[in-house]
PDB file of N, CA and C in Angstrom:
ATOM      1  N   UNK A   1      60.528  62.640 112.324  1.00  0.00           N
ATOM      2  CA  UNK A   1      61.255  63.609 113.122  1.00  0.00           C
ATOM      3  C   UNK A   1      60.728  65.010 112.768  1.00  0.00           C
ATOM      4  N   UNK A   2      60.289  65.712 113.768  1.00  0.00           N
ATOM      5  CA  UNK A   2      59.775  67.053 113.499  1.00  0.00           C
ATOM      6  C   UNK A   2      60.914  68.064 113.472  1.00  0.00           C
ATOM      7  N   UNK A   3      60.592  69.278 113.161  1.00  0.00           N
ATOM      8  CA  UNK A   3      61.614  70.315 112.960  1.00  0.00           C
ATOM      9  C   UNK A   3      62.349  70.654 114.257  1.00  0.00           C
ATOM     10  N   UNK A   4      61.672  70.546 115.386  1.00  0.00           N
ATOM     11  CA  UNK A   4      62.313  70.851 116.663  1.00  0.00           C
ATOM     12  C   UNK A   4      63.392  69.821 116.991  1.00  0.00           C
ATOM     13  N   UNK A   5      63.096  68.558 116.805  1.00  0.00           N
ATOM     14  CA  UNK A   5      64.099  67.519 117.057  1.00  0.00           C
ATOM     15  C   UNK A   5      65.277  67.655 116.095  1.00  0.00           C
ATOM     16  N   UNK A   6      64.987  67.955 114.866  1.00  0.00           N
ATOM     17  CA  UNK A   6      66.052  68.131 113.868  1.00  0.00           C
ATOM     18  C   UNK A   6      66.952  69.314 114.231  1.00  0.00           C
ATOM     19  N   UNK A   7      66.351  70.391 114.696  1.00  0.00           N
ATOM     20  CA  UNK A   7      67.148  71.563 115.076  1.00  0.00           C
ATOM     21  C   UNK A   7      68.026  71.261 116.290  1.00  0.00           C
ATOM     22  N   UNK A   8      67.522  70.461 117.242  1.00  0.00           N
ATOM     23  CA  UNK A   8      68.338  70.083 118.398  1.00  0.00           C
ATOM     24  C   UNK A   8      69.506  69.206 117.962  1.00  0.00           C
ATOM     25  N   UNK A   9      69.265  68.304 117.018  1.00  0.00           N
ATOM     26  CA  UNK A   9      70.342  67.460 116.512  1.00  0.00           C
ATOM     27  C   UNK A   9      71.427  68.289 115.829  1.00  0.00           C
ATOM     28  N   UNK A  10      71.006  69.265 115.047  1.00  0.00           N
ATOM     29  CA  UNK A  10      71.968  70.146 114.377  1.00  0.00           C
ATOM     30  C   UNK A  10      72.752  70.942 115.414  1.00  0.00           C
ATOM     31  N   UNK A  11      72.073  71.443 116.429  1.00  0.00           N
ATOM     32  CA  UNK A  11      72.743  72.222 117.480  1.00  0.00           C
ATOM     33  C   UNK A  11      73.777  71.369 118.219  1.00  0.00           C
ATOM     34  N   UNK A  12      73.426  70.140 118.545  1.00  0.00           N
ATOM     35  CA  UNK A  12      74.361  69.253 119.244  1.00  0.00           C
ATOM     36  C   UNK A  12      75.570  68.938 118.376  1.00  0.00           C
ATOM     37  N   UNK A  13      75.373  68.751 117.085  1.00  0.00           N
ATOM     38  CA  UNK A  13      76.477  68.485 116.169  1.00  0.00           C
ATOM     39  C   UNK A  13      77.422  69.684 116.087  1.00  0.00           C
ATOM     40  N   UNK A  14      76.854  70.872 116.038  1.00  0.00           N
ATOM     41  CA  UNK A  14      77.676  72.089 116.001  1.00  0.00           C
ATOM     42  C   UNK A  14      78.496  72.225 117.279  1.00  0.00           C
ATOM     43  N   UNK A  15      77.872  71.972 118.422  1.00  0.00           N
ATOM     44  CA  UNK A  15      78.581  72.068 119.703  1.00  0.00           C
ATOM     45  C   UNK A  15      79.671  71.013 119.803  1.00  0.00           C
ATOM     46  N   UNK A  16      79.425  69.830 119.267  1.00  0.00           N
ATOM     47  CA  UNK A  16      80.425  68.766 119.292  1.00  0.00           C
ATOM     48  C   UNK A  16      81.635  69.145 118.439  1.00  0.00           C
ATOM     49  N   UNK A  17      81.389  69.710 117.278  1.00  0.00           N
ATOM     50  CA  UNK A  17      82.495  70.145 116.416  1.00  0.00           C
ATOM     51  C   UNK A  17      83.265  71.297 117.034  1.00  0.00           C
ATOM     52  N   UNK A  18      82.549  72.218 117.666  1.00  0.00           N
ATOM     53  CA  UNK A  18      83.218  73.370 118.285  1.00  0.00           C
ATOM     54  C   UNK A  18      84.089  72.936 119.457  1.00  0.00           C
ATOM     55  N   UNK A  19      83.703  71.888 120.144  1.00  0.00           N
ATOM     56  CA  UNK A  19      84.505  71.398 121.262  1.00  0.00           C
ATOM     57  C   UNK A  19      85.814  70.783 120.835  1.00  0.00           C
ATOM     58  N   UNK A  20      85.932  70.368 119.582  1.00  0.00           N
ATOM     59  CA  UNK A  20      87.152  69.741 119.082  1.00  0.00           C
ATOM     60  C   UNK A  20      88.171  70.739 118.544  1.00  0.00           C
ATOM     61  N   UNK A  21      87.820  72.005 118.481  1.00  0.00           N
ATOM     62  CA  UNK A  21      88.696  72.998 117.846  1.00  0.00           C
ATOM     63  C   UNK A  21      90.069  73.051 118.514  1.00  0.00           C
ATOM     64  N   UNK A  22      90.131  73.090 119.822  1.00  0.00           N
ATOM     65  CA  UNK A  22      91.406  73.222 120.520  1.00  0.00           C
ATOM     66  C   UNK A  22      92.150  71.923 120.704  1.00  0.00           C
ATOM     67  N   UNK A  23      91.638  70.815 120.197  1.00  0.00           N
ATOM     68  CA  UNK A  23      92.265  69.525 120.446  1.00  0.00           C
ATOM     69  C   UNK A  23      92.875  68.887 119.213  1.00  0.00           C
ATOM     70  N   UNK A  24      92.640  69.436 118.045  1.00  0.00           N
ATOM     71  CA  UNK A  24      93.136  68.832 116.816  1.00  0.00           C
ATOM     72  C   UNK A  24      94.548  69.260 116.492  1.00  0.00           C
ATOM     73  N   UNK A  25      94.910  69.161 115.223  1.00  0.00           N
ATOM     74  CA  UNK A  25      96.264  69.493 114.802  1.00  0.00           C
ATOM     75  C   UNK A  25      96.544  70.984 114.877  1.00  0.00           C
ATOM     76  N   UNK A  26      95.512  71.805 114.951  1.00  0.00           N
ATOM     77  CA  UNK A  26      95.704  73.250 115.077  1.00  0.00           C
ATOM     78  C   UNK A  26      95.593  73.724 116.518  1.00  0.00           C
ATOM     79  N   UNK A  27      95.398  72.826 117.437  1.00  0.00           N
ATOM     80  CA  UNK A  27      95.215  73.180 118.836  1.00  0.00           C
ATOM     81  C   UNK A  27      96.388  73.927 119.423  1.00  0.00           C
ATOM     82  N   UNK A  28      97.609  73.453 119.138  1.00  0.00           N
ATOM     83  CA  UNK A  28      98.788  74.114 119.696  1.00  0.00           C
ATOM     84  C   UNK A  28      98.938  75.518 119.138  1.00  0.00           C
ATOM     85  N   UNK A  29      98.624  75.689 117.872  1.00  0.00           N
ATOM     86  CA  UNK A  29      98.705  77.020 117.263  1.00  0.00           C
ATOM     87  C   UNK A  29      97.702  77.957 117.917  1.00  0.00           C
ATOM     88  N   UNK A  30      96.487  77.472 118.148  1.00  0.00           N
ATOM     89  CA  UNK A  30      95.478  78.313 118.787  1.00  0.00           C
ATOM     90  C   UNK A  30      95.857  78.655 120.221  1.00  0.00           C
ATOM     91  N   UNK A  31      96.515  77.734 120.911  1.00  0.00           N
ATOM     92  CA  UNK A  31      96.937  78.019 122.288  1.00  0.00           C
ATOM     93  C   UNK A  31      98.079  79.030 122.325  1.00  0.00           C
ATOM     94  N   UNK A  32      98.947  79.007 121.297  1.00  0.00           N
ATOM     95  CA  UNK A  32     100.077  79.934 121.255  1.00  0.00           C
ATOM     96  C   UNK A  32      99.676  81.314 120.728  1.00  0.00           C
ATOM     97  N   UNK A  33      98.533  81.408 120.080  1.00  0.00           N
ATOM     98  CA  UNK A  33      98.110  82.680 119.486  1.00  0.00           C
ATOM     99  C   UNK A  33      97.875  83.718 120.583  1.00  0.00           C
ATOM    100  N   UNK A  34      98.220  84.941 120.263  1.00  0.00           N
ATOM    101  CA  UNK A  34      98.014  86.037 121.212  1.00  0.00           C
ATOM    102  C   UNK A  34      97.656  87.301 120.446  1.00  0.00           C
ATOM    103  N   UNK A  35      97.157  88.271 121.167  1.00  0.00           N
ATOM    104  CA  UNK A  35      96.823  89.554 120.561  1.00  0.00           C
ATOM    105  C   UNK A  35      98.117  90.347 120.381  1.00  0.00           C
ATOM    106  N   UNK A  36      98.349  90.920 119.195  1.00  0.00           N
ATOM    107  CA  UNK A  36      99.593  91.671 118.986  1.00  0.00           C
ATOM    108  C   UNK A  36      99.594  92.972 119.786  1.00  0.00           C
ATOM    109  N   UNK A  37     100.787  93.370 120.211  1.00  0.00           N
ATOM    110  CA  UNK A  37     100.873  94.651 120.918  1.00  0.00           C
ATOM    111  C   UNK A  37     100.819  95.789 119.901  1.00  0.00           C
ATOM    112  N   UNK A  38     100.789  96.998 120.398  1.00  0.00           N
ATOM    113  CA  UNK A  38     100.587  98.173 119.547  1.00  0.00           C
ATOM    114  C   UNK A  38     101.699  98.319 118.502  1.00  0.00           C
ATOM    115  N   UNK A  39     102.944  98.128 118.913  1.00  0.00           N
ATOM    116  CA  UNK A  39     104.074  98.292 117.987  1.00  0.00           C
ATOM    117  C   UNK A  39     104.028  97.244 116.881  1.00  0.00           C
ATOM    118  N   UNK A  40     103.757  96.000 117.234  1.00  0.00           N
ATOM    119  CA  UNK A  40     103.678  94.938 116.241  1.00  0.00           C
ATOM    120  C   UNK A  40     102.532  95.190 115.266  1.00  0.00           C
ATOM    121  N   UNK A  41     101.409  95.660 115.782  1.00  0.00           N
ATOM    122  CA  UNK A  41     100.263  95.955 114.931  1.00  0.00           C
ATOM    123  C   UNK A  41     100.587  97.080 113.945  1.00  0.00           C
ATOM    124  N   UNK A  42     101.256  98.130 114.419  1.00  0.00           N
ATOM    125  CA  UNK A  42     101.593  99.259 113.562  1.00  0.00           C
ATOM    126  C   UNK A  42     102.573  98.848 112.458  1.00  0.00           C
ATOM    127  N   UNK A  43     103.551  98.000 112.790  1.00  0.00           N
ATOM    128  CA  UNK A  43     104.498  97.531 111.776  1.00  0.00           C
ATOM    129  C   UNK A  43     103.794  96.690 110.722  1.00  0.00           C
ATOM    130  N   UNK A  44     102.924  95.803 111.175  1.00  0.00           N
ATOM    131  CA  UNK A  44     102.179  94.963 110.232  1.00  0.00           C
ATOM    132  C   UNK A  44     101.293  95.812 109.338  1.00  0.00           C
ATOM    133  N   UNK A  45     100.625  96.791 109.914  1.00  0.00           N
ATOM    134  CA  UNK A  45      99.764  97.687 109.151  1.00  0.00           C
ATOM    135  C   UNK A  45     100.574  98.469 108.117  1.00  0.00           C
ATOM    136  N   UNK A  46     101.748  98.966 108.505  1.00  0.00           N
ATOM    137  CA  UNK A  46     102.579  99.737 107.581  1.00  0.00           C
ATOM    138  C   UNK A  46     103.044  98.865 106.417  1.00  0.00           C
ATOM    139  N   UNK A  47     103.468  97.650 106.704  1.00  0.00           N
ATOM    140  CA  UNK A  47     103.930  96.751 105.643  1.00  0.00           C
ATOM    141  C   UNK A  47     102.792  96.422 104.688  1.00  0.00           C
ATOM    142  N   UNK A  48     101.602  96.160 105.235  1.00  0.00           N
ATOM    143  CA  UNK A  48     100.449  95.853 104.378  1.00  0.00           C
ATOM    144  C   UNK A  48     100.067  97.047 103.516  1.00  0.00           C
ATOM    145  N   UNK A  49     100.088  98.240 104.073  1.00  0.00           N
ATOM    146  CA  UNK A  49      99.751  99.438 103.299  1.00  0.00           C
ATOM    147  C   UNK A  49     100.765  99.690 102.182  1.00  0.00           C
ATOM    148  N   UNK A  50     102.043  99.487 102.476  1.00  0.00           N
ATOM    149  CA  UNK A  50     103.068  99.649 101.445  1.00  0.00           C
ATOM    150  C   UNK A  50     102.844  98.648 100.318  1.00  0.00           C
ATOM    151  N   UNK A  51     102.532  97.413 100.680  1.00  0.00           N
ATOM    152  CA  UNK A  51     102.266  96.396  99.667  1.00  0.00           C
ATOM    153  C   UNK A  51     101.050  96.732  98.824  1.00  0.00           C
ATOM    154  N   UNK A  52      99.987  97.197  99.456  1.00  0.00           N
ATOM    155  CA  UNK A  52      98.777  97.576  98.720  1.00  0.00           C
ATOM    156  C   UNK A  52      99.074  98.728  97.763  1.00  0.00           C
ATOM    157  N   UNK A  53      99.822  99.732  98.236  1.00  0.00           N
ATOM    158  CA  UNK A  53     100.157 100.865  97.382  1.00  0.00           C
ATOM    159  C   UNK A  53     101.040 100.453  96.210  1.00  0.00           C
ATOM    160  N   UNK A  54     102.007  99.571  96.454  1.00  0.00           N
ATOM    161  CA  UNK A  54     102.881  99.120  95.367  1.00  0.00           C
ATOM    162  C   UNK A  54     102.098  98.335  94.317  1.00  0.00           C
ATOM    163  N   UNK A  55     101.259  97.424  94.764  1.00  0.00           N
ATOM    164  CA  UNK A  55     100.484  96.631  93.812  1.00  0.00           C
ATOM    165  C   UNK A  55      99.470  97.506  93.079  1.00  0.00           C
ATOM    166  N   UNK A  56      98.839  98.428  93.794  1.00  0.00           N
ATOM    167  CA  UNK A  56      97.899  99.343  93.155  1.00  0.00           C
ATOM    168  C   UNK A  56      98.585 100.257  92.163  1.00  0.00           C
ATOM    169  N   UNK A  57      99.761 100.764  92.524  1.00  0.00           N
ATOM    170  CA  UNK A  57     100.518 101.622  91.615  1.00  0.00           C
ATOM    171  C   UNK A  57     100.959 100.876  90.371  1.00  0.00           C
ATOM    172  N   UNK A  58     101.403  99.641  90.544  1.00  0.00           N
ATOM    173  CA  UNK A  58     101.787  98.826  89.398  1.00  0.00           C
ATOM    174  C   UNK A  58     100.586  98.572  88.490  1.00  0.00           C
ATOM    175  N   UNK A  59      99.462  98.281  89.076  1.00  0.00           N
ATOM    176  CA  UNK A  59      98.252  98.074  88.274  1.00  0.00           C
ATOM    177  C   UNK A  59      97.848  99.331  87.533  1.00  0.00           C
ATOM    178  N   UNK A  60      97.976 100.478  88.187  1.00  0.00           N
ATOM    179  CA  UNK A  60      97.633 101.745  87.535  1.00  0.00           C
ATOM    180  C   UNK A  60      98.583 102.045  86.386  1.00  0.00           C
ATOM    181  N   UNK A  61      99.879 101.774  86.577  1.00  0.00           N
ATOM    182  CA  UNK A  61     100.844 101.981  85.494  1.00  0.00           C
ATOM    183  C   UNK A  61     100.545 101.079  84.307  1.00  0.00           C
ATOM    184  N   UNK A  62     100.171  99.837  84.573  1.00  0.00           N
ATOM    185  CA  UNK A  62      99.804  98.927  83.486  1.00  0.00           C
ATOM    186  C   UNK A  62      98.557  99.439  82.780  1.00  0.00           C
ATOM    187  N   UNK A  63      97.600  99.939  83.541  1.00  0.00           N
ATOM    188  CA  UNK A  63      96.387 100.512  82.949  1.00  0.00           C
ATOM    189  C   UNK A  63      96.731 101.693  82.043  1.00  0.00           C
ATOM    190  N   UNK A  64      97.565 102.606  82.529  1.00  0.00           N
ATOM    191  CA  UNK A  64      97.964 103.759  81.717  1.00  0.00           C
ATOM    192  C   UNK A  64      98.708 103.318  80.460  1.00  0.00           C
ATOM    193  N   UNK A  65      99.571 102.340  80.608  1.00  0.00           N
ATOM    194  CA  UNK A  65     100.323 101.841  79.471  1.00  0.00           C
ATOM    195  C   UNK A  65      99.396 101.291  78.392  1.00  0.00           C
ATOM    196  N   UNK A  66      98.425 100.481  78.787  1.00  0.00           N
ATOM    197  CA  UNK A  66      97.551  99.864  77.805  1.00  0.00           C
ATOM    198  C   UNK A  66      96.492 100.821  77.258  1.00  0.00           C
ATOM    199  N   UNK A  67      96.166 101.878  77.992  1.00  0.00           N
ATOM    200  CA  UNK A  67      95.198 102.834  77.448  1.00  0.00           C
ATOM    201  C   UNK A  67      95.867 103.867  76.553  1.00  0.00           C
ATOM    202  N   UNK A  68      97.117 104.206  76.805  1.00  0.00           N
ATOM    203  CA  UNK A  68      97.800 105.233  76.013  1.00  0.00           C
ATOM    204  C   UNK A  68      98.729 104.661  74.959  1.00  0.00           C
ATOM    205  N   UNK A  69      99.108 103.421  75.062  1.00  0.00           N
ATOM    206  CA  UNK A  69     100.012 102.816  74.096  1.00  0.00           C
ATOM    207  C   UNK A  69      99.430 102.793  72.686  1.00  0.00           C
ATOM    208  N   UNK A  70      98.152 102.463  72.489  1.00  0.00           N
ATOM    209  CA  UNK A  70      97.615 102.492  71.118  1.00  0.00           C
ATOM    210  C   UNK A  70      97.702 103.874  70.478  1.00  0.00           C
ATOM    211  N   UNK A  71      97.578 104.950  71.248  1.00  0.00           N
ATOM    212  CA  UNK A  71      97.678 106.310  70.706  1.00  0.00           C
ATOM    213  C   UNK A  71      99.105 106.592  70.224  1.00  0.00           C
ATOM    214  N   UNK A  72     100.100 106.148  70.979  1.00  0.00           N
ATOM    215  CA  UNK A  72     101.495 106.370  70.586  1.00  0.00           C
ATOM    216  C   UNK A  72     101.850 105.544  69.365  1.00  0.00           C
ATOM    217  N   UNK A  73     101.323 104.356  69.257  1.00  0.00           N
ATOM    218  CA  UNK A  73     101.603 103.513  68.104  1.00  0.00           C
ATOM    219  C   UNK A  73     100.995 104.124  66.845  1.00  0.00           C
ATOM    220  N   UNK A  74      99.818 104.708  66.964  1.00  0.00           N
ATOM    221  CA  UNK A  74      99.161 105.329  65.808  1.00  0.00           C
ATOM    222  C   UNK A  74      99.921 106.571  65.357  1.00  0.00           C
ATOM    223  N   UNK A  75     100.627 107.268  66.268  1.00  0.00           N
ATOM    224  CA  UNK A  75     101.379 108.468  65.906  1.00  0.00           C
ATOM    225  C   UNK A  75     102.623 108.116  65.103  1.00  0.00           C
ATOM    226  N   UNK A  76     103.158 106.954  65.319  1.00  0.00           N
ATOM    227  CA  UNK A  76     104.420 106.559  64.661  1.00  0.00           C
ATOM    228  C   UNK A  76     104.185 106.144  63.253  1.00  0.00           C
TER     229      UNK A  76
END
């Protein structure tokens, strides 16, 4: 089998798998999926940003605690 025949076989396999996407157990979910409207997108974005800021702030506080805590312990 030369490289051209092998590439056609791979292409046909990919197309066969892609054709099954909407028919499997996730088919109904994909059919129900829709693009969010502007208000829904903005709410989701705001919630994600708040979560990122909270987790980042917590990580920064832990960083400050562990970098400055040895100095305070040495003072005591």
